[in-house]
């Protein structure tokens, strides 16, 4: 890791939340392959989504400098259980670290199935920051596995590369537990807690939490409002102006799927 990038980590910590971004059963603005209960295949195997969120939080940490973010994605879900997809979002943290990109591009694939009353989901997710121009690559690959029983999902993600530019952080892990409660009339409630371990950097490890209320508005539209926060280091996880990117706050969003 270069000296300049290490210094920028002290400002923004280089960190790039349950279901697709801003869905009614999700954390806020999360890549679609991130923590989601196993679900029935959609009527069409190909779907598209666009969303607008007041703050792109990933594992509790803002990726958009606590500002709004725009996202979009494409998913293909085969009836056998195999799926692939891609998702993009506007971000700010690469520029805060001295780089030159305002986009995160994720590509993922995996398999969802059931074993008796247990749903499971295994796959791989690649986070990319095109033309980032940083001294050390923030691009990250994780493998993940999740199990769902009734409304509860437990998921573990394991990095097989360095994690978002942290030096010597291969084999870092993220464990999260969430529950999806159907409140009726299109309303849902999703509590979540997760723990991010960053190998060889205990000071940057932290716990995040959220409570999301979602509403299916019909015609492909969903809305969400979430209280999101962390116990992350206020000195490590901050914007260049010193604003804590893991602070507790309200995040609202809307998503259209077609």
C-alpha atoms as a PDB file:
ATOM      1  CA  UNK A   1       0.000   0.000   0.000  1.00  0.00           C
ATOM      2  CA  UNK A   2       1.371   3.404  -0.884  1.00  0.00           C
ATOM      3  CA  UNK A   3       1.880   6.060   1.741  1.00  0.00           C
ATOM      4  CA  UNK A   4      -0.664   8.393   0.139  1.00  0.00           C
ATOM      5  CA  UNK A   5      -3.367   5.735   0.035  1.00  0.00           C
ATOM      6  CA  UNK A   6      -2.653   4.724   3.621  1.00  0.00           C
ATOM      7  CA  UNK A   7      -3.115   8.347   4.679  1.00  0.00           C
ATOM      8  CA  UNK A   8      -6.416   8.552   2.819  1.00  0.00           C
ATOM      9  CA  UNK A   9      -7.584   5.441   4.650  1.00  0.00           C
ATOM     10  CA  UNK A  10      -7.201   7.414   7.844  1.00  0.00           C
ATOM     11  CA  UNK A  11      -9.787   9.790   6.385  1.00  0.00           C
ATOM     12  CA  UNK A  12     -12.286   7.469   4.733  1.00  0.00           C
ATOM     13  CA  UNK A  13     -11.049   3.941   5.580  1.00  0.00           C
ATOM     14  CA  UNK A  14     -11.404   2.708   2.008  1.00  0.00           C
ATOM     15  CA  UNK A  15     -14.687   0.834   2.458  1.00  0.00           C
ATOM     16  CA  UNK A  16     -16.627   0.649  -0.592  1.00  0.00           C
ATOM     17  CA  UNK A  17     -26.740  -4.625   4.184  1.00  0.00           C
ATOM     18  CA  UNK A  18     -29.774  -8.197   2.971  1.00  0.00           C
ATOM     19  CA  UNK A  19     -31.226  -7.847  -0.599  1.00  0.00           C
ATOM     20  CA  UNK A  20     -31.157  -5.688  -3.705  1.00  0.00           C
ATOM     21  CA  UNK A  21     -30.583  -1.983  -3.346  1.00  0.00           C
ATOM     22  CA  UNK A  22     -33.415  -0.151  -1.639  1.00  0.00           C
ATOM     23  CA  UNK A  23     -35.871  -3.058  -1.849  1.00  0.00           C
ATOM     24  CA  UNK A  24     -38.671  -3.312   0.658  1.00  0.00           C
ATOM     25  CA  UNK A  25     -36.936  -6.180   2.430  1.00  0.00           C
ATOM     26  CA  UNK A  26     -33.388  -4.826   2.279  1.00  0.00           C
ATOM     27  CA  UNK A  27     -30.806  -2.616   3.807  1.00  0.00           C
ATOM     28  CA  UNK A  28     -30.129   0.577   1.908  1.00  0.00           C
ATOM     29  CA  UNK A  29     -28.495   0.684  -1.522  1.00  0.00           C
ATOM     30  CA  UNK A  30     -26.839  -2.683  -1.247  1.00  0.00           C
ATOM     31  CA  UNK A  31     -25.576  -4.719  -4.200  1.00  0.00           C
ATOM     32  CA  UNK A  32     -28.279  -7.230  -5.153  1.00  0.00           C
ATOM     33  CA  UNK A  33     -26.187 -10.265  -4.180  1.00  0.00           C
ATOM     34  CA  UNK A  34     -25.645  -8.930  -0.686  1.00  0.00           C
ATOM     35  CA  UNK A  35     -27.534 -10.697   2.107  1.00  0.00           C
ATOM     36  CA  UNK A  36     -30.930 -11.759   0.793  1.00  0.00           C
ATOM     37  CA  UNK A  37     -33.281 -14.561   1.829  1.00  0.00           C
ATOM     38  CA  UNK A  38     -33.783 -17.273  -0.778  1.00  0.00           C
ATOM     39  CA  UNK A  39     -36.819 -16.379  -2.895  1.00  0.00           C
ATOM     40  CA  UNK A  40     -38.977 -17.940  -5.558  1.00  0.00           C
ATOM     41  CA  UNK A  41     -37.872 -17.360  -9.144  1.00  0.00           C
ATOM     42  CA  UNK A  42     -39.542 -14.303 -10.747  1.00  0.00           C
ATOM     43  CA  UNK A  43     -42.150 -14.719 -13.481  1.00  0.00           C
ATOM     44  CA  UNK A  44     -39.510 -13.610 -15.997  1.00  0.00           C
ATOM     45  CA  UNK A  45     -35.905 -14.778 -15.538  1.00  0.00           C
ATOM     46  CA  UNK A  46     -34.571 -11.365 -16.635  1.00  0.00           C
ATOM     47  CA  UNK A  47     -35.220  -8.222 -14.585  1.00  0.00           C
ATOM     48  CA  UNK A  48     -33.915  -4.670 -14.416  1.00  0.00           C
ATOM     49  CA  UNK A  49     -33.842  -2.168 -11.563  1.00  0.00           C
ATOM     50  CA  UNK A  50     -33.062   1.500 -10.992  1.00  0.00           C
ATOM     51  CA  UNK A  51     -33.005   3.262  -7.650  1.00  0.00           C
ATOM     52  CA  UNK A  52     -32.388   6.533  -5.872  1.00  0.00           C
ATOM     53  CA  UNK A  53     -31.204   6.597  -2.249  1.00  0.00           C
ATOM     54  CA  UNK A  54     -30.516   9.475   0.134  1.00  0.00           C
ATOM     55  CA  UNK A  55     -27.175   7.904   1.186  1.00  0.00           C
ATOM     56  CA  UNK A  56     -25.492   4.770  -0.207  1.00  0.00           C
ATOM     57  CA  UNK A  57     -24.618   2.811   2.927  1.00  0.00           C
ATOM     58  CA  UNK A  58     -22.661  -0.435   2.548  1.00  0.00           C
ATOM     59  CA  UNK A  59     -22.278  -2.483   5.708  1.00  0.00           C
ATOM     60  CA  UNK A  60     -23.248   0.663   7.549  1.00  0.00           C
ATOM     61  CA  UNK A  61     -20.555   2.899   6.014  1.00  0.00           C
ATOM     62  CA  UNK A  62     -21.478   5.657   3.547  1.00  0.00           C
ATOM     63  CA  UNK A  63     -20.004   5.202   0.083  1.00  0.00           C
ATOM     64  CA  UNK A  64     -21.454   8.486  -1.218  1.00  0.00           C
ATOM     65  CA  UNK A  65     -20.027  10.972   1.319  1.00  0.00           C
ATOM     66  CA  UNK A  66     -23.434  10.965   3.114  1.00  0.00           C
ATOM     67  CA  UNK A  67     -25.048  12.267  -0.102  1.00  0.00           C
ATOM     68  CA  UNK A  68     -27.677  10.754  -2.443  1.00  0.00           C
ATOM     69  CA  UNK A  69     -26.714   8.013  -4.900  1.00  0.00           C
ATOM     70  CA  UNK A  70     -28.213   6.629  -8.102  1.00  0.00           C
ATOM     71  CA  UNK A  71     -28.018   2.913  -8.925  1.00  0.00           C
ATOM     72  CA  UNK A  72     -29.138   0.395 -11.515  1.00  0.00           C
ATOM     73  CA  UNK A  73     -28.818  -3.314 -12.217  1.00  0.00           C
ATOM     74  CA  UNK A  74     -29.710  -6.327 -14.335  1.00  0.00           C
ATOM     75  CA  UNK A  75     -30.425  -9.840 -13.010  1.00  0.00           C
ATOM     76  CA  UNK A  76     -30.973 -13.213 -14.650  1.00  0.00           C
ATOM     77  CA  UNK A  77     -32.431 -15.979 -12.486  1.00  0.00           C
ATOM     78  CA  UNK A  78     -32.723 -19.444 -14.076  1.00  0.00           C
ATOM     79  CA  UNK A  79     -35.466 -21.782 -12.915  1.00  0.00           C
ATOM     80  CA  UNK A  80     -32.776 -24.275 -11.818  1.00  0.00           C
ATOM     81  CA  UNK A  81     -31.637 -21.843  -9.090  1.00  0.00           C
ATOM     82  CA  UNK A  82     -28.560 -20.447 -10.825  1.00  0.00           C
ATOM     83  CA  UNK A  83     -28.375 -16.666 -11.177  1.00  0.00           C
ATOM     84  CA  UNK A  84     -26.055 -13.947 -12.484  1.00  0.00           C
ATOM     85  CA  UNK A  85     -26.268 -10.192 -12.354  1.00  0.00           C
ATOM     86  CA  UNK A  86     -24.564  -6.851 -12.419  1.00  0.00           C
ATOM     87  CA  UNK A  87     -25.166  -3.625 -10.482  1.00  0.00           C
ATOM     88  CA  UNK A  88     -23.740  -0.089 -10.621  1.00  0.00           C
ATOM     89  CA  UNK A  89     -23.942   2.839  -8.237  1.00  0.00           C
ATOM     90  CA  UNK A  90     -22.583   6.342  -7.953  1.00  0.00           C
ATOM     91  CA  UNK A  91     -20.010   6.736  -5.148  1.00  0.00           C
ATOM     92  CA  UNK A  92     -17.623   9.328  -3.695  1.00  0.00           C
ATOM     93  CA  UNK A  93     -15.088   7.452  -1.554  1.00  0.00           C
ATOM     94  CA  UNK A  94     -12.607   6.708  -4.361  1.00  0.00           C
ATOM     95  CA  UNK A  95     -12.264  10.420  -5.106  1.00  0.00           C
ATOM     96  CA  UNK A  96     -11.931  11.090  -1.364  1.00  0.00           C
ATOM     97  CA  UNK A  97      -9.011   8.621  -1.396  1.00  0.00           C
ATOM     98  CA  UNK A  98      -7.275  10.531  -4.197  1.00  0.00           C
ATOM     99  CA  UNK A  99      -8.605   8.464  -7.107  1.00  0.00           C
ATOM    100  CA  UNK A 100     -10.654   9.376 -10.152  1.00  0.00           C
ATOM    101  CA  UNK A 101     -13.891   7.419 -10.425  1.00  0.00           C
ATOM    102  CA  UNK A 102     -17.440   8.057  -9.257  1.00  0.00           C
ATOM    103  CA  UNK A 103     -18.767   4.565  -9.937  1.00  0.00           C
ATOM    104  CA  UNK A 104     -18.881   1.139  -8.315  1.00  0.00           C
ATOM    105  CA  UNK A 105     -19.545  -1.804 -10.644  1.00  0.00           C
ATOM    106  CA  UNK A 106     -20.458  -5.198  -9.183  1.00  0.00           C
ATOM    107  CA  UNK A 107     -20.725  -8.545 -10.984  1.00  0.00           C
ATOM    108  CA  UNK A 108     -22.026 -11.637  -9.200  1.00  0.00           C
ATOM    109  CA  UNK A 109     -23.358 -15.137  -9.697  1.00  0.00           C
ATOM    110  CA  UNK A 110     -24.465 -18.064  -7.602  1.00  0.00           C
ATOM    111  CA  UNK A 111     -27.054 -20.677  -6.799  1.00  0.00           C
ATOM    112  CA  UNK A 112     -30.167 -20.583  -4.607  1.00  0.00           C
ATOM    113  CA  UNK A 113     -32.029 -23.641  -3.433  1.00  0.00           C
ATOM    114  CA  UNK A 114     -33.819 -25.315  -0.551  1.00  0.00           C
ATOM    115  CA  UNK A 115     -33.147 -28.311   1.675  1.00  0.00           C
ATOM    116  CA  UNK A 116     -36.332 -29.086   3.529  1.00  0.00           C
ATOM    117  CA  UNK A 117     -37.351 -25.947   5.450  1.00  0.00           C
ATOM    118  CA  UNK A 118     -33.940 -24.318   4.896  1.00  0.00           C
ATOM    119  CA  UNK A 119     -33.190 -21.991   2.005  1.00  0.00           C
ATOM    120  CA  UNK A 120     -29.582 -21.492   0.968  1.00  0.00           C
ATOM    121  CA  UNK A 121     -27.623 -19.189  -1.326  1.00  0.00           C
ATOM    122  CA  UNK A 122     -23.961 -19.526  -2.343  1.00  0.00           C
ATOM    123  CA  UNK A 123     -22.011 -17.427  -4.809  1.00  0.00           C
ATOM    124  CA  UNK A 124     -19.220 -15.036  -5.673  1.00  0.00           C
ATOM    125  CA  UNK A 125     -19.283 -11.226  -5.883  1.00  0.00           C
ATOM    126  CA  UNK A 126     -16.713  -8.952  -7.549  1.00  0.00           C
ATOM    127  CA  UNK A 127     -16.606  -5.240  -6.649  1.00  0.00           C
ATOM    128  CA  UNK A 128     -14.858  -3.074  -9.260  1.00  0.00           C
ATOM    129  CA  UNK A 129     -13.937   0.618  -9.447  1.00  0.00           C
ATOM    130  CA  UNK A 130     -13.054   1.297 -13.121  1.00  0.00           C
ATOM    131  CA  UNK A 131     -10.092   3.604 -13.818  1.00  0.00           C
ATOM    132  CA  UNK A 132      -9.761   4.352 -10.117  1.00  0.00           C
ATOM    133  CA  UNK A 133      -6.134   5.589 -10.501  1.00  0.00           C
ATOM    134  CA  UNK A 134      -5.256   4.670  -6.921  1.00  0.00           C
ATOM    135  CA  UNK A 135      -1.832   3.411  -5.893  1.00  0.00           C
ATOM    136  CA  UNK A 136      -3.323   0.157  -4.617  1.00  0.00           C
ATOM    137  CA  UNK A 137      -6.306  -1.624  -6.141  1.00  0.00           C
ATOM    138  CA  UNK A 138      -9.608  -1.305  -4.261  1.00  0.00           C
ATOM    139  CA  UNK A 139     -11.163  -4.060  -6.431  1.00  0.00           C
ATOM    140  CA  UNK A 140     -12.397  -6.893  -4.215  1.00  0.00           C
ATOM    141  CA  UNK A 141     -13.703 -10.445  -4.666  1.00  0.00           C
ATOM    142  CA  UNK A 142     -15.786 -12.218  -2.026  1.00  0.00           C
ATOM    143  CA  UNK A 143     -17.390 -15.630  -1.843  1.00  0.00           C
ATOM    144  CA  UNK A 144     -20.521 -15.933   0.255  1.00  0.00           C
ATOM    145  CA  UNK A 145     -22.981 -18.404   1.717  1.00  0.00           C
ATOM    146  CA  UNK A 146     -26.348 -17.787   3.386  1.00  0.00           C
ATOM    147  CA  UNK A 147     -29.001 -19.921   5.033  1.00  0.00           C
ATOM    148  CA  UNK A 148     -32.597 -18.873   5.672  1.00  0.00           C
ATOM    149  CA  UNK A 149     -35.057 -20.466   8.079  1.00  0.00           C
ATOM    150  CA  UNK A 150     -38.530 -18.940   8.148  1.00  0.00           C
ATOM    151  CA  UNK A 151     -37.864 -15.171   8.395  1.00  0.00           C
ATOM    152  CA  UNK A 152     -34.240 -15.326   9.630  1.00  0.00           C
ATOM    153  CA  UNK A 153     -31.176 -15.243   7.355  1.00  0.00           C
ATOM    154  CA  UNK A 154     -27.561 -15.755   8.416  1.00  0.00           C
ATOM    155  CA  UNK A 155     -24.857 -14.949   5.875  1.00  0.00           C
ATOM    156  CA  UNK A 156     -21.065 -15.020   5.796  1.00  0.00           C
ATOM    157  CA  UNK A 157     -18.928 -13.277   3.137  1.00  0.00           C
ATOM    158  CA  UNK A 158     -15.209 -14.052   2.812  1.00  0.00           C
ATOM    159  CA  UNK A 159     -12.690 -11.999   0.828  1.00  0.00           C
ATOM    160  CA  UNK A 160     -10.347 -13.958  -1.439  1.00  0.00           C
ATOM    161  CA  UNK A 161      -8.464 -10.745  -2.302  1.00  0.00           C
ATOM    162  CA  UNK A 162      -7.459  -7.725  -0.271  1.00  0.00           C
ATOM    163  CA  UNK A 163     -10.585  -5.989   1.029  1.00  0.00           C
ATOM    164  CA  UNK A 164     -11.286  -2.637  -0.653  1.00  0.00           C
ATOM    165  CA  UNK A 165      -7.626  -1.640  -0.709  1.00  0.00           C
ATOM    166  CA  UNK A 166      -6.680  -2.506   2.882  1.00  0.00           C
ATOM    167  CA  UNK A 167      -3.116  -3.853   2.806  1.00  0.00           C
ATOM    168  CA  UNK A 168      -2.639  -7.559   3.619  1.00  0.00           C
ATOM    169  CA  UNK A 169      -6.380  -7.999   4.289  1.00  0.00           C
ATOM    170  CA  UNK A 170      -7.073 -11.129   2.226  1.00  0.00           C
ATOM    171  CA  UNK A 171      -9.336 -13.556   4.164  1.00  0.00           C
ATOM    172  CA  UNK A 172     -11.297 -10.803   5.889  1.00  0.00           C
ATOM    173  CA  UNK A 173     -14.904 -11.687   6.698  1.00  0.00           C
ATOM    174  CA  UNK A 174     -18.364 -10.251   7.225  1.00  0.00           C
ATOM    175  CA  UNK A 175     -21.078 -12.047   9.218  1.00  0.00           C
ATOM    176  CA  UNK A 176     -24.620 -10.715   9.296  1.00  0.00           C
ATOM    177  CA  UNK A 177     -27.976 -11.784  10.691  1.00  0.00           C
ATOM    178  CA  UNK A 178     -31.288 -10.364   9.532  1.00  0.00           C
ATOM    179  CA  UNK A 179     -34.990 -11.072   9.727  1.00  0.00           C
ATOM    180  CA  UNK A 180     -37.746 -10.197   7.250  1.00  0.00           C
ATOM    181  CA  UNK A 181     -41.189  -9.625   8.770  1.00  0.00           C
ATOM    182  CA  UNK A 182     -44.231  -9.315   6.507  1.00  0.00           C
ATOM    183  CA  UNK A 183     -46.515  -6.732   8.145  1.00  0.00           C
ATOM    184  CA  UNK A 184     -49.240  -7.081   5.522  1.00  0.00           C
ATOM    185  CA  UNK A 185     -50.592  -4.669   2.900  1.00  0.00           C
ATOM    186  CA  UNK A 186     -47.172  -4.481   1.253  1.00  0.00           C
ATOM    187  CA  UNK A 187     -45.338  -3.388   4.411  1.00  0.00           C
ATOM    188  CA  UNK A 188     -42.225  -5.129   5.729  1.00  0.00           C
ATOM    189  CA  UNK A 189     -39.841  -4.733   8.662  1.00  0.00           C
ATOM    190  CA  UNK A 190     -36.187  -5.870   8.479  1.00  0.00           C
ATOM    191  CA  UNK A 191     -33.854  -5.690  11.489  1.00  0.00           C
ATOM    192  CA  UNK A 192     -30.172  -6.422  10.819  1.00  0.00           C
ATOM    193  CA  UNK A 193     -26.834  -6.659  12.619  1.00  0.00           C
ATOM    194  CA  UNK A 194     -23.455  -7.436  11.036  1.00  0.00           C
ATOM    195  CA  UNK A 195     -19.793  -7.657  11.973  1.00  0.00           C
ATOM    196  CA  UNK A 196     -16.969  -6.708   9.581  1.00  0.00           C
ATOM    197  CA  UNK A 197     -13.563  -8.201  10.422  1.00  0.00           C
ATOM    198  CA  UNK A 198     -10.609  -6.735   8.526  1.00  0.00           C
ATOM    199  CA  UNK A 199      -7.622  -9.047   8.757  1.00  0.00           C
ATOM    200  CA  UNK A 200      -4.482  -7.450  10.198  1.00  0.00           C
ATOM    201  CA  UNK A 201      -6.396  -4.242  10.904  1.00  0.00           C
ATOM    202  CA  UNK A 202      -8.435  -4.679  14.055  1.00  0.00           C
ATOM    203  CA  UNK A 203      -8.859  -0.933  14.546  1.00  0.00           C
ATOM    204  CA  UNK A 204     -10.854  -0.754  11.306  1.00  0.00           C
ATOM    205  CA  UNK A 205     -13.151  -3.680  12.184  1.00  0.00           C
ATOM    206  CA  UNK A 206     -16.636  -2.766  13.388  1.00  0.00           C
ATOM    207  CA  UNK A 207     -20.286  -3.751  13.922  1.00  0.00           C
ATOM    208  CA  UNK A 208     -23.169  -2.274  11.929  1.00  0.00           C
ATOM    209  CA  UNK A 209     -26.913  -2.349  12.502  1.00  0.00           C
ATOM    210  CA  UNK A 210     -30.085  -1.217  10.781  1.00  0.00           C
ATOM    211  CA  UNK A 211     -33.854  -1.312  11.008  1.00  0.00           C
ATOM    212  CA  UNK A 212     -35.642  -0.961   7.665  1.00  0.00           C
ATOM    213  CA  UNK A 213     -39.319  -0.370   6.934  1.00  0.00           C
ATOM    214  CA  UNK A 214     -40.300  -1.192   3.355  1.00  0.00           C
ATOM    215  CA  UNK A 215     -43.435  -0.621   1.314  1.00  0.00           C
ATOM    216  CA  UNK A 216     -44.445  -2.274  -1.965  1.00  0.00           C
ATOM    217  CA  UNK A 217     -46.070   0.563  -3.879  1.00  0.00           C
ATOM    218  CA  UNK A 218     -47.170  -1.620  -6.783  1.00  0.00           C
ATOM    219  CA  UNK A 219     -46.354  -1.427 -10.502  1.00  0.00           C
ATOM    220  CA  UNK A 220     -42.724  -2.369  -9.757  1.00  0.00           C
ATOM    221  CA  UNK A 221     -42.065   0.437  -7.251  1.00  0.00           C
ATOM    222  CA  UNK A 222     -40.815  -0.120  -3.703  1.00  0.00           C
ATOM    223  CA  UNK A 223     -39.849   2.418  -1.056  1.00  0.00           C
ATOM    224  CA  UNK A 224     -37.749   2.078   2.082  1.00  0.00           C
ATOM    225  CA  UNK A 225     -36.758   4.018   5.177  1.00  0.00           C
ATOM    226  CA  UNK A 226     -33.985   2.774   7.448  1.00  0.00           C
ATOM    227  CA  UNK A 227     -32.190   3.747  10.609  1.00  0.00           C
ATOM    228  CA  UNK A 228     -28.557   2.744   9.953  1.00  0.00           C
ATOM    229  CA  UNK A 229     -25.489   3.027  12.178  1.00  0.00           C
ATOM    230  CA  UNK A 230     -22.161   1.507  13.275  1.00  0.00           C
ATOM    231  CA  UNK A 231     -19.663   1.466  16.123  1.00  0.00           C
ATOM    232  CA  UNK A 232     -16.821   2.093  13.648  1.00  0.00           C
ATOM    233  CA  UNK A 233     -13.894   4.365  14.476  1.00  0.00           C
ATOM    234  CA  UNK A 234     -14.903   7.991  14.007  1.00  0.00           C
ATOM    235  CA  UNK A 235     -11.339   8.928  13.086  1.00  0.00           C
ATOM    236  CA  UNK A 236     -10.844   6.153  10.508  1.00  0.00           C
ATOM    237  CA  UNK A 237     -14.260   6.307   8.859  1.00  0.00           C
ATOM    238  CA  UNK A 238     -14.640   9.994   7.978  1.00  0.00           C
ATOM    239  CA  UNK A 239     -14.926  12.220   4.935  1.00  0.00           C
ATOM    240  CA  UNK A 240     -12.064  14.631   4.113  1.00  0.00           C
ATOM    241  CA  UNK A 241     -14.073  17.317   5.916  1.00  0.00           C
ATOM    242  CA  UNK A 242     -14.238  15.122   9.043  1.00  0.00           C
ATOM    243  CA  UNK A 243     -17.854  13.892   8.861  1.00  0.00           C
ATOM    244  CA  UNK A 244     -18.283  10.402  10.357  1.00  0.00           C
ATOM    245  CA  UNK A 245     -19.451   8.068   7.555  1.00  0.00           C
ATOM    246  CA  UNK A 246     -20.668   5.370   9.936  1.00  0.00           C
ATOM    247  CA  UNK A 247     -22.882   7.630  12.024  1.00  0.00           C
ATOM    248  CA  UNK A 248     -26.445   6.683  12.909  1.00  0.00           C
ATOM    249  CA  UNK A 249     -28.896   8.243  10.474  1.00  0.00           C
ATOM    250  CA  UNK A 250     -32.090   7.921   8.489  1.00  0.00           C
ATOM    251  CA  UNK A 251     -31.734   6.677   4.910  1.00  0.00           C
ATOM    252  CA  UNK A 252     -34.674   6.704   2.502  1.00  0.00           C
ATOM    253  CA  UNK A 253     -34.928   5.387  -1.025  1.00  0.00           C
ATOM    254  CA  UNK A 254     -37.134   4.316  -3.899  1.00  0.00           C
ATOM    255  CA  UNK A 255     -36.583   1.566  -6.444  1.00  0.00           C
ATOM    256  CA  UNK A 256     -38.254   0.546  -9.678  1.00  0.00           C
ATOM    257  CA  UNK A 257     -37.990  -3.045 -10.947  1.00  0.00           C
ATOM    258  CA  UNK A 258     -39.162  -4.099 -14.403  1.00  0.00           C
END
